[in-house]
N, C-alpha and C. Protein backbone atom coordinates (compact mmCIF):
# COMPACT_ATOMS: atom_id res chain seq x y z
N MET A 1 -106.06 -80.74 -2.50
CA MET A 1 -107.96 -79.60 -2.92
C MET A 1 -107.63 -80.01 -4.28
N PRO A 2 -108.73 -80.83 -4.96
CA PRO A 2 -109.19 -80.24 -6.21
C PRO A 2 -108.99 -78.76 -7.30
N PRO A 3 -108.54 -79.16 -8.34
CA PRO A 3 -107.94 -77.99 -9.18
C PRO A 3 -109.64 -77.15 -9.13
N LEU A 4 -109.53 -76.57 -9.73
CA LEU A 4 -110.41 -74.99 -9.52
C LEU A 4 -109.40 -74.17 -10.89
N PRO A 5 -110.52 -73.41 -12.00
CA PRO A 5 -110.26 -72.70 -12.84
C PRO A 5 -109.18 -71.34 -12.35
N ASP A 6 -108.78 -70.67 -12.75
CA ASP A 6 -108.65 -69.34 -13.21
C ASP A 6 -110.38 -68.55 -13.45
N PRO A 7 -110.16 -67.79 -12.43
CA PRO A 7 -111.29 -67.14 -12.56
C PRO A 7 -111.89 -66.06 -13.53
N THR A 8 -110.57 -65.71 -13.88
CA THR A 8 -110.04 -64.37 -15.29
C THR A 8 -110.22 -65.46 -16.58
N CYS A 9 -110.07 -66.50 -16.49
CA CYS A 9 -109.53 -67.21 -18.09
C CYS A 9 -111.36 -67.81 -17.91
N THR A 10 -111.68 -68.42 -17.07
CA THR A 10 -113.00 -69.22 -16.86
C THR A 10 -114.02 -68.81 -16.22
N PRO A 11 -114.51 -67.81 -15.84
CA PRO A 11 -115.29 -67.25 -14.64
C PRO A 11 -116.58 -68.13 -14.92
N GLY A 12 -116.92 -69.06 -16.27
CA GLY A 12 -118.22 -69.63 -16.67
C GLY A 12 -119.16 -68.62 -17.97
N ALA A 13 -119.95 -69.37 -18.37
CA ALA A 13 -121.17 -68.82 -18.87
C ALA A 13 -122.35 -69.86 -19.07
N VAL A 14 -123.56 -69.20 -19.01
CA VAL A 14 -124.29 -69.74 -19.38
C VAL A 14 -125.29 -69.74 -20.88
N SER A 15 -125.82 -70.82 -20.73
CA SER A 15 -126.55 -70.89 -22.70
C SER A 15 -127.93 -69.72 -22.51
N PRO A 16 -128.03 -69.32 -23.22
CA PRO A 16 -129.00 -68.16 -23.01
C PRO A 16 -130.46 -69.06 -23.88
N ALA A 17 -130.47 -70.52 -24.65
CA ALA A 17 -131.40 -71.24 -24.80
C ALA A 17 -131.88 -71.77 -22.96
N VAL A 18 -131.03 -72.27 -22.20
CA VAL A 18 -131.87 -72.76 -21.09
C VAL A 18 -132.20 -71.12 -20.16
N THR A 19 -133.49 -71.72 -19.77
CA THR A 19 -133.94 -70.83 -18.62
C THR A 19 -134.28 -70.79 -17.42
N GLN A 20 -134.91 -70.29 -15.85
CA GLN A 20 -135.74 -71.23 -15.31
C GLN A 20 -136.99 -71.20 -16.17
N ALA A 21 -137.49 -71.08 -16.43
CA ALA A 21 -138.50 -70.89 -17.24
C ALA A 21 -139.19 -72.44 -18.08
N ASN A 22 -137.77 -72.60 -18.57
CA ASN A 22 -137.52 -73.35 -19.40
C ASN A 22 -137.64 -75.11 -19.37
N ILE A 23 -136.63 -75.14 -17.63
CA ILE A 23 -136.05 -76.31 -17.34
C ILE A 23 -136.80 -77.38 -17.73
N LYS A 24 -138.16 -77.68 -17.89
CA LYS A 24 -138.53 -78.86 -17.77
C LYS A 24 -138.36 -79.43 -19.23
N ASP A 25 -138.51 -78.71 -20.14
CA ASP A 25 -137.86 -78.97 -21.60
C ASP A 25 -136.83 -79.00 -22.42
N THR A 26 -135.87 -78.41 -21.48
CA THR A 26 -134.06 -78.25 -21.96
C THR A 26 -133.53 -79.21 -21.04
N ILE A 27 -132.85 -79.06 -19.43
CA ILE A 27 -132.10 -79.49 -18.24
C ILE A 27 -132.65 -80.74 -17.74
N CYS A 28 -133.85 -80.51 -17.86
CA CYS A 28 -134.99 -81.31 -17.02
C CYS A 28 -135.91 -82.49 -18.06
N LYS A 29 -135.55 -82.33 -18.78
CA LYS A 29 -135.95 -83.64 -19.52
C LYS A 29 -135.93 -84.44 -19.01
N PRO A 30 -137.02 -85.37 -19.91
CA PRO A 30 -136.63 -87.16 -19.57
C PRO A 30 -136.62 -87.30 -21.06
N GLY A 31 -135.16 -87.67 -20.69
CA GLY A 31 -134.12 -88.46 -21.70
C GLY A 31 -133.09 -87.88 -22.64
N GLY A 32 -132.94 -86.84 -21.71
CA GLY A 32 -131.37 -86.32 -21.45
C GLY A 32 -131.69 -85.13 -23.03
N TYR A 33 -130.64 -84.24 -22.02
CA TYR A 33 -130.44 -83.15 -23.17
C TYR A 33 -129.06 -82.76 -23.21
N THR A 34 -128.11 -82.52 -22.56
CA THR A 34 -127.20 -82.46 -22.99
C THR A 34 -126.18 -83.18 -24.56
N SER A 35 -126.50 -84.51 -24.98
CA SER A 35 -126.35 -84.56 -26.27
C SER A 35 -126.89 -84.37 -26.92
N THR A 36 -127.56 -83.48 -27.18
CA THR A 36 -128.27 -82.33 -28.17
C THR A 36 -127.25 -81.29 -28.68
N ILE A 37 -126.27 -81.03 -27.62
CA ILE A 37 -126.09 -79.38 -27.80
C ILE A 37 -124.65 -79.37 -27.46
N ARG A 38 -123.80 -80.97 -27.07
CA ARG A 38 -122.54 -81.10 -26.61
C ARG A 38 -122.07 -81.06 -28.05
N PRO A 39 -120.63 -80.28 -28.04
CA PRO A 39 -120.12 -80.20 -29.50
C PRO A 39 -119.30 -81.70 -29.50
N PRO A 40 -118.98 -81.64 -31.07
CA PRO A 40 -118.41 -83.04 -30.92
C PRO A 40 -116.58 -82.94 -30.98
N VAL A 41 -116.40 -84.18 -30.64
CA VAL A 41 -115.04 -83.91 -30.72
C VAL A 41 -113.96 -83.92 -31.59
N ASN A 42 -113.78 -83.42 -32.79
CA ASN A 42 -112.99 -82.74 -33.60
C ASN A 42 -113.25 -81.47 -33.30
N ILE A 43 -114.61 -80.58 -33.11
CA ILE A 43 -113.76 -79.47 -32.13
C ILE A 43 -113.29 -79.58 -31.17
N THR A 44 -113.40 -80.39 -30.21
CA THR A 44 -113.27 -80.14 -28.44
C THR A 44 -111.47 -80.01 -28.66
N GLY A 45 -111.42 -82.08 -29.14
CA GLY A 45 -110.07 -81.98 -29.51
C GLY A 45 -109.43 -80.75 -29.81
N LYS A 46 -109.53 -80.12 -31.04
CA LYS A 46 -108.31 -79.10 -30.86
C LYS A 46 -108.48 -77.41 -29.99
N GLU A 47 -109.73 -77.44 -29.49
CA GLU A 47 -109.57 -75.97 -28.06
C GLU A 47 -108.99 -77.01 -26.56
N LYS A 48 -109.00 -78.19 -26.46
CA LYS A 48 -107.84 -78.66 -25.64
C LYS A 48 -106.71 -78.35 -25.85
N THR A 49 -105.88 -78.96 -26.69
CA THR A 49 -104.78 -78.36 -26.33
C THR A 49 -104.47 -76.97 -26.07
N ALA A 50 -105.55 -76.46 -27.36
CA ALA A 50 -104.75 -75.09 -27.03
C ALA A 50 -105.25 -74.36 -25.59
N ASN A 51 -106.26 -74.88 -25.12
CA ASN A 51 -106.72 -73.82 -23.72
C ASN A 51 -106.01 -75.02 -22.52
N ALA A 52 -104.95 -76.29 -22.49
CA ALA A 52 -104.42 -76.30 -21.86
C ALA A 52 -102.77 -75.85 -22.07
N ALA A 53 -102.40 -75.26 -23.50
CA ALA A 53 -101.27 -74.34 -23.02
C ALA A 53 -101.54 -72.94 -22.09
N SER A 54 -102.77 -72.64 -22.92
CA SER A 54 -102.91 -71.64 -22.15
C SER A 54 -102.85 -71.37 -20.60
N TYR A 55 -103.00 -72.57 -19.87
CA TYR A 55 -103.53 -73.02 -18.40
C TYR A 55 -102.10 -73.64 -17.66
N GLY A 56 -101.27 -73.73 -18.70
CA GLY A 56 -100.02 -74.47 -18.38
C GLY A 56 -99.78 -75.69 -17.88
N TYR A 57 -101.41 -76.45 -18.55
CA TYR A 57 -101.54 -77.88 -18.37
C TYR A 57 -99.99 -78.73 -18.92
N THR A 58 -99.48 -79.04 -18.57
CA THR A 58 -98.51 -80.45 -19.43
C THR A 58 -98.47 -81.23 -19.18
N GLY A 59 -99.50 -82.03 -18.34
CA GLY A 59 -99.25 -83.36 -18.10
C GLY A 59 -100.19 -83.85 -19.05
N PRO A 60 -100.75 -85.50 -19.31
CA PRO A 60 -100.93 -86.39 -20.49
C PRO A 60 -102.38 -85.92 -20.30
N MET A 61 -102.20 -85.44 -21.96
CA MET A 61 -104.20 -84.90 -22.09
C MET A 61 -105.12 -85.76 -21.59
N GLY A 62 -104.63 -87.19 -22.01
CA GLY A 62 -105.98 -88.48 -21.05
C GLY A 62 -106.28 -88.02 -19.93
N ASP A 63 -105.54 -87.14 -18.62
CA ASP A 63 -105.64 -87.58 -18.11
C ASP A 63 -106.30 -86.15 -17.03
N GLY A 64 -106.68 -85.28 -17.87
CA GLY A 64 -107.30 -83.59 -17.79
C GLY A 64 -108.35 -83.80 -18.78
N GLU A 65 -109.63 -83.29 -18.26
CA GLU A 65 -110.41 -83.24 -18.74
C GLU A 65 -110.77 -81.80 -19.64
N TYR A 66 -111.09 -81.45 -20.90
CA TYR A 66 -111.80 -80.46 -21.31
C TYR A 66 -113.32 -80.07 -20.85
N ASP A 67 -114.02 -79.00 -20.18
CA ASP A 67 -114.64 -79.51 -19.02
C ASP A 67 -115.14 -78.44 -18.84
N HIS A 68 -116.54 -78.38 -18.69
CA HIS A 68 -117.26 -76.83 -19.11
C HIS A 68 -117.30 -76.63 -17.42
N LEU A 69 -117.35 -75.12 -16.55
CA LEU A 69 -117.46 -75.00 -15.48
C LEU A 69 -118.94 -75.10 -14.73
N ILE A 70 -119.67 -74.53 -16.17
CA ILE A 70 -121.12 -74.65 -15.50
C ILE A 70 -121.53 -75.63 -16.18
N SER A 71 -122.22 -76.77 -15.95
CA SER A 71 -121.65 -77.95 -16.92
C SER A 71 -123.40 -77.77 -17.78
N LEU A 72 -123.55 -78.71 -18.97
CA LEU A 72 -124.32 -78.48 -19.88
C LEU A 72 -125.46 -78.53 -19.05
N GLN A 73 -125.84 -79.60 -18.23
CA GLN A 73 -126.50 -80.46 -16.96
C GLN A 73 -127.25 -79.20 -16.55
N LEU A 74 -126.29 -77.95 -16.08
CA LEU A 74 -126.72 -76.60 -15.51
C LEU A 74 -127.10 -76.03 -16.22
N GLY A 75 -127.22 -75.76 -17.49
CA GLY A 75 -127.41 -74.96 -18.69
C GLY A 75 -126.65 -74.39 -18.71
N GLY A 76 -125.33 -74.16 -18.80
CA GLY A 76 -123.93 -74.00 -18.84
C GLY A 76 -124.30 -73.86 -20.82
N ASP A 77 -122.42 -73.09 -20.96
CA ASP A 77 -123.29 -72.50 -22.29
C ASP A 77 -121.79 -74.18 -23.46
N PRO A 78 -122.51 -74.51 -24.40
CA PRO A 78 -121.53 -75.79 -24.87
C PRO A 78 -119.78 -75.21 -25.70
N ASN A 79 -120.61 -73.96 -25.72
CA ASN A 79 -119.11 -74.00 -26.99
C ASN A 79 -118.26 -72.04 -25.90
N ASP A 80 -118.79 -71.48 -25.23
CA ASP A 80 -118.36 -70.54 -25.17
C ASP A 80 -117.11 -70.86 -24.35
N PRO A 81 -115.81 -69.82 -25.08
CA PRO A 81 -114.44 -70.41 -24.01
C PRO A 81 -114.78 -70.26 -22.41
N ARG A 82 -115.36 -69.22 -22.00
CA ARG A 82 -115.04 -68.57 -21.19
C ARG A 82 -115.96 -69.93 -19.90
N ASN A 83 -116.33 -70.79 -20.42
CA ASN A 83 -116.87 -71.61 -19.93
C ASN A 83 -116.00 -73.25 -19.84
N LEU A 84 -115.36 -73.50 -20.13
CA LEU A 84 -114.37 -74.09 -20.85
C LEU A 84 -113.04 -73.90 -20.31
N TRP A 85 -112.32 -75.09 -19.76
CA TRP A 85 -110.82 -75.35 -19.26
C TRP A 85 -110.51 -76.57 -19.18
N VAL A 86 -108.70 -76.71 -19.31
CA VAL A 86 -108.52 -78.93 -19.56
C VAL A 86 -108.52 -78.84 -17.81
N GLU A 87 -109.22 -79.28 -17.31
CA GLU A 87 -109.41 -79.51 -15.13
C GLU A 87 -108.24 -80.84 -15.37
N PRO A 88 -107.35 -80.52 -14.43
CA PRO A 88 -106.41 -81.01 -14.34
C PRO A 88 -106.69 -82.48 -13.35
N PRO A 89 -106.56 -83.13 -13.38
CA PRO A 89 -106.31 -84.79 -12.29
C PRO A 89 -106.65 -84.24 -10.74
N SER A 90 -107.54 -84.82 -10.19
CA SER A 90 -108.05 -84.37 -8.44
C SER A 90 -106.52 -85.14 -8.13
N PRO A 91 -106.74 -84.87 -6.45
CA PRO A 91 -105.94 -85.57 -6.25
C PRO A 91 -106.30 -87.27 -5.72
N GLY A 92 -104.95 -87.98 -5.64
CA GLY A 92 -105.38 -89.17 -5.77
C GLY A 92 -105.94 -89.74 -7.38
N HIS A 93 -105.75 -89.62 -8.03
CA HIS A 93 -105.46 -89.89 -9.84
C HIS A 93 -104.46 -90.30 -10.22
N VAL A 94 -104.56 -91.89 -10.40
CA VAL A 94 -103.80 -92.65 -11.15
C VAL A 94 -103.47 -92.09 -12.60
N PRO A 95 -102.11 -91.93 -12.49
CA PRO A 95 -101.74 -91.82 -13.86
C PRO A 95 -102.00 -92.70 -15.17
N GLY A 96 -102.17 -92.05 -16.22
CA GLY A 96 -102.81 -93.47 -16.89
C GLY A 96 -104.52 -93.47 -16.85
N LYS A 97 -104.76 -93.46 -15.96
CA LYS A 97 -106.29 -93.81 -15.95
C LYS A 97 -107.48 -93.04 -16.29
N GLY A 98 -106.67 -91.87 -16.94
CA GLY A 98 -107.83 -91.07 -17.69
C GLY A 98 -108.51 -89.29 -16.60
N PRO A 99 -109.43 -89.33 -16.64
CA PRO A 99 -109.52 -87.78 -15.72
C PRO A 99 -110.07 -88.71 -14.85
N ASN A 100 -109.80 -88.33 -13.43
CA ASN A 100 -110.83 -88.97 -12.58
C ASN A 100 -111.20 -87.16 -11.91
N ASN A 101 -112.65 -87.08 -11.82
CA ASN A 101 -113.51 -85.64 -11.46
C ASN A 101 -114.61 -85.54 -10.89
N PRO A 102 -114.46 -85.33 -9.58
CA PRO A 102 -115.36 -85.28 -8.50
C PRO A 102 -116.48 -84.24 -8.63
N LYS A 103 -115.98 -83.42 -9.97
CA LYS A 103 -116.87 -82.25 -9.59
C LYS A 103 -117.99 -82.72 -10.13
N ASP A 104 -117.89 -83.84 -11.11
CA ASP A 104 -118.86 -85.01 -12.29
C ASP A 104 -120.60 -85.14 -11.06
N SER A 105 -119.66 -84.94 -9.75
CA SER A 105 -121.10 -85.66 -8.62
C SER A 105 -122.13 -84.81 -8.09
N VAL A 106 -120.48 -83.38 -8.13
CA VAL A 106 -121.53 -81.87 -7.42
C VAL A 106 -122.80 -81.67 -8.25
N GLU A 107 -122.31 -81.53 -9.69
CA GLU A 107 -122.63 -81.48 -10.96
C GLU A 107 -124.91 -82.02 -10.82
N THR A 108 -124.28 -83.32 -11.31
CA THR A 108 -125.13 -84.29 -10.78
C THR A 108 -126.75 -84.15 -9.25
N HIS A 109 -125.33 -83.81 -8.75
CA HIS A 109 -126.70 -83.07 -7.34
C HIS A 109 -126.97 -81.78 -7.53
N LEU A 110 -126.44 -80.47 -8.43
CA LEU A 110 -127.04 -79.68 -8.47
C LEU A 110 -128.63 -80.01 -9.42
N HIS A 111 -127.81 -80.64 -10.85
CA HIS A 111 -129.27 -80.90 -11.51
C HIS A 111 -130.15 -82.07 -10.81
N THR A 112 -129.72 -82.26 -10.09
CA THR A 112 -131.06 -83.34 -9.50
C THR A 112 -131.90 -82.03 -8.59
N ALA A 113 -130.89 -81.00 -7.83
CA ALA A 113 -132.47 -80.27 -7.09
C ALA A 113 -132.85 -79.46 -7.99
N ILE A 114 -132.14 -78.31 -9.01
CA ILE A 114 -132.85 -77.78 -9.70
C ILE A 114 -134.31 -78.49 -10.19
N CYS A 115 -134.06 -79.56 -11.09
CA CYS A 115 -135.19 -80.32 -11.14
C CYS A 115 -136.42 -80.43 -10.75
N LYS A 116 -136.09 -81.23 -9.38
CA LYS A 116 -137.34 -81.25 -8.09
C LYS A 116 -137.14 -79.99 -7.45
N GLY A 117 -136.56 -78.56 -7.74
CA GLY A 117 -137.46 -77.53 -7.11
C GLY A 117 -136.94 -77.12 -5.39
N LYS A 118 -135.12 -77.38 -5.60
CA LYS A 118 -135.21 -76.86 -4.31
C LYS A 118 -133.62 -75.88 -4.59
N THR A 119 -133.86 -75.94 -5.15
CA THR A 119 -133.35 -74.36 -5.34
C THR A 119 -133.13 -74.25 -7.26
N THR A 120 -133.08 -73.27 -7.62
CA THR A 120 -132.94 -72.52 -8.71
C THR A 120 -131.61 -73.25 -9.62
N LEU A 121 -132.37 -72.33 -11.06
CA LEU A 121 -130.73 -72.46 -12.10
C LEU A 121 -129.74 -71.21 -11.70
N ALA A 122 -130.72 -70.29 -11.83
CA ALA A 122 -130.01 -69.48 -11.53
C ALA A 122 -128.49 -69.90 -10.02
N ALA A 123 -128.92 -69.77 -8.66
CA ALA A 123 -128.70 -70.16 -8.05
C ALA A 123 -127.59 -71.00 -7.83
N ALA A 124 -127.90 -72.24 -8.78
CA ALA A 124 -127.18 -73.62 -9.00
C ALA A 124 -125.64 -73.00 -9.76
N GLN A 125 -125.79 -72.28 -11.09
CA GLN A 125 -125.04 -71.60 -11.87
C GLN A 125 -124.36 -70.79 -11.00
N GLN A 126 -124.36 -70.14 -10.28
CA GLN A 126 -123.42 -69.26 -9.20
C GLN A 126 -123.10 -69.85 -8.59
N ALA A 127 -123.22 -70.76 -8.05
CA ALA A 127 -121.86 -71.25 -6.89
C ALA A 127 -121.60 -72.05 -7.29
N ILE A 128 -121.72 -73.21 -8.79
CA ILE A 128 -120.36 -73.66 -9.17
C ILE A 128 -119.86 -73.16 -10.29
N ALA A 129 -119.73 -72.25 -10.53
CA ALA A 129 -119.34 -70.96 -11.25
C ALA A 129 -117.68 -70.21 -10.36
N THR A 130 -118.33 -70.27 -8.95
CA THR A 130 -118.03 -69.68 -7.86
C THR A 130 -117.11 -70.68 -7.10
N ASP A 131 -117.50 -71.39 -6.93
CA ASP A 131 -116.38 -72.53 -6.45
C ASP A 131 -116.96 -73.87 -6.07
N TRP A 132 -117.00 -75.06 -6.81
CA TRP A 132 -117.89 -75.75 -7.08
C TRP A 132 -117.45 -76.87 -6.10
N THR A 133 -116.69 -76.73 -5.74
CA THR A 133 -116.05 -77.39 -3.96
C THR A 133 -117.20 -77.23 -3.44
N THR A 134 -117.48 -76.22 -3.30
CA THR A 134 -118.30 -75.90 -1.60
C THR A 134 -119.46 -75.49 -2.13
N ALA A 135 -119.71 -75.48 -3.90
CA ALA A 135 -121.43 -75.13 -4.11
C ALA A 135 -122.72 -76.27 -3.55
N GLU A 136 -122.27 -77.24 -3.09
CA GLU A 136 -123.64 -78.53 -2.32
C GLU A 136 -123.75 -77.27 -1.30
N SER A 137 -122.67 -77.18 0.07
CA SER A 137 -122.80 -76.93 0.89
C SER A 137 -122.98 -74.86 1.12
N LYS A 138 -122.82 -74.55 -0.06
CA LYS A 138 -123.34 -73.44 0.13
C LYS A 138 -124.73 -73.01 -0.48
N LEU A 139 -125.06 -74.52 -0.81
CA LEU A 139 -126.96 -73.92 -1.16
C LEU A 139 -127.67 -75.25 -0.49
N GLY A 140 -126.92 -76.57 0.16
CA GLY A 140 -127.97 -76.80 1.48
C GLY A 140 -128.21 -78.06 0.38
N ILE A 141 -127.70 -78.06 0.32
CA ILE A 141 -127.66 -79.16 -1.06
C ILE A 141 -126.66 -80.46 -0.99
N LYS A 142 -127.53 -81.64 -0.60
CA LYS A 142 -126.30 -83.32 -0.63
C LYS A 142 -127.37 -84.52 -0.59
N ASP A 143 -127.52 -84.97 -1.99
CA ASP A 143 -128.57 -85.50 -2.76
C ASP A 143 -127.92 -86.64 -3.48
N SER A 144 -127.49 -88.25 -2.48
CA SER A 144 -127.27 -89.16 -2.61
C SER A 144 -127.82 -90.00 -4.18
N SER A 145 -129.06 -89.15 -4.35
CA SER A 145 -130.25 -89.92 -5.36
C SER A 145 -129.41 -89.97 -6.42
N PRO A 146 -129.75 -91.36 -7.31
CA PRO A 146 -129.14 -90.98 -8.65
C PRO A 146 -129.93 -89.94 -9.93
N SER A 147 -129.09 -89.31 -10.62
CA SER A 147 -130.11 -88.36 -11.26
C SER A 147 -129.45 -89.32 -13.05
N ASP A 148 -129.80 -88.83 -13.79
CA ASP A 148 -129.53 -89.37 -15.44
C ASP A 148 -128.61 -89.56 -15.64
N ALA A 149 -127.75 -90.31 -15.50
CA ALA A 149 -126.07 -90.52 -15.33
C ALA A 149 -125.61 -90.14 -16.82
N ALA A 150 -126.90 -90.87 -17.84
CA ALA A 150 -125.90 -90.52 -19.22
C ALA A 150 -126.05 -89.34 -19.57
N ASP A 151 -126.47 -88.33 -18.76
CA ASP A 151 -126.68 -86.75 -18.60
C ASP A 151 -125.67 -86.59 -17.85
N SER A 152 -124.51 -86.49 -17.07
CA SER A 152 -124.32 -85.89 -16.57
C SER A 152 -122.31 -85.73 -17.72
N GLU A 153 -122.00 -84.85 -17.20
CA GLU A 153 -121.11 -83.51 -17.68
C GLU A 153 -119.68 -84.40 -17.63
């Protein structure tokens, strides 16, 4: 089973700057949104190390992903520690090959669904924060069409 965060440590947090009313100007804006708010590596690198220790992650840091539970493309808060965790490698991971994160495709499908009006921002945020492995089925979403891949988490 793919890894899930501890819901007490990482319940998720949303950005107050992203609302259902402004998604066309934020997460659904053509040309991308996440690159304008993503924290720089010189900050996230230090945070990743501390977060890994709190989660007891002892694997190679390059194989774990410092991930936003509610991704930036879904209006997740970029800096709130309640929204960040070191996601360990998923089953089938090849050590030393960097993160393998099947959560990324779920995030992209939900993003596409929000921007196409197939679900609300709040419903997608709640579903992914509760259990990203069931978020698509819970919302009745399975969209295989590509979104803005450069905007993925």
